[in-house]
Amino acid sequence: MNQPGENANSDMEKKPEAVKNPDLCRKPDPVKKPEEIKIAFHLNTLTHGGAERVVTNLANRFATEGYQVFVATEWTDEDEFVLDERVHRI
C-alpha cells in the first residue's frame, strides 16, 4: 500500500485535462440569437428537383424560426417550390 500523499501525482494523471487545468473550465461563448445568424443557399434554379425541394423546405423552416435566410439562384425560371415571404431571393 502507498503512504498517504504518495500517489497524489498518479491520481492527478488520471484526472481529465479540465481538472488539471482550470482555465479549460471556462463558460462557452454565448450563443447568437437566430435573427443575428444569416444562412445562404445556392442552387441553379428552383424548378423541379430533389435538391430544390430540400433547400426550399430548409429555407422556409429557418425563416419561420427567425433566421435571416437567403436563396441565391443562377436563373430565375418559374419556381416550382414556393419560398416563405421572409426568405430573401437573390
Foldseek 3Di string as FASTA:
>chain_A
DDDVPRCPVVVVVPDDPCVVPVVVVDDDDDDDQQLVAEEEAEEAEQADDDVSVVVQVVQQVSVVSNHAYEYEHNDYDPHPDDHDPSYHYD
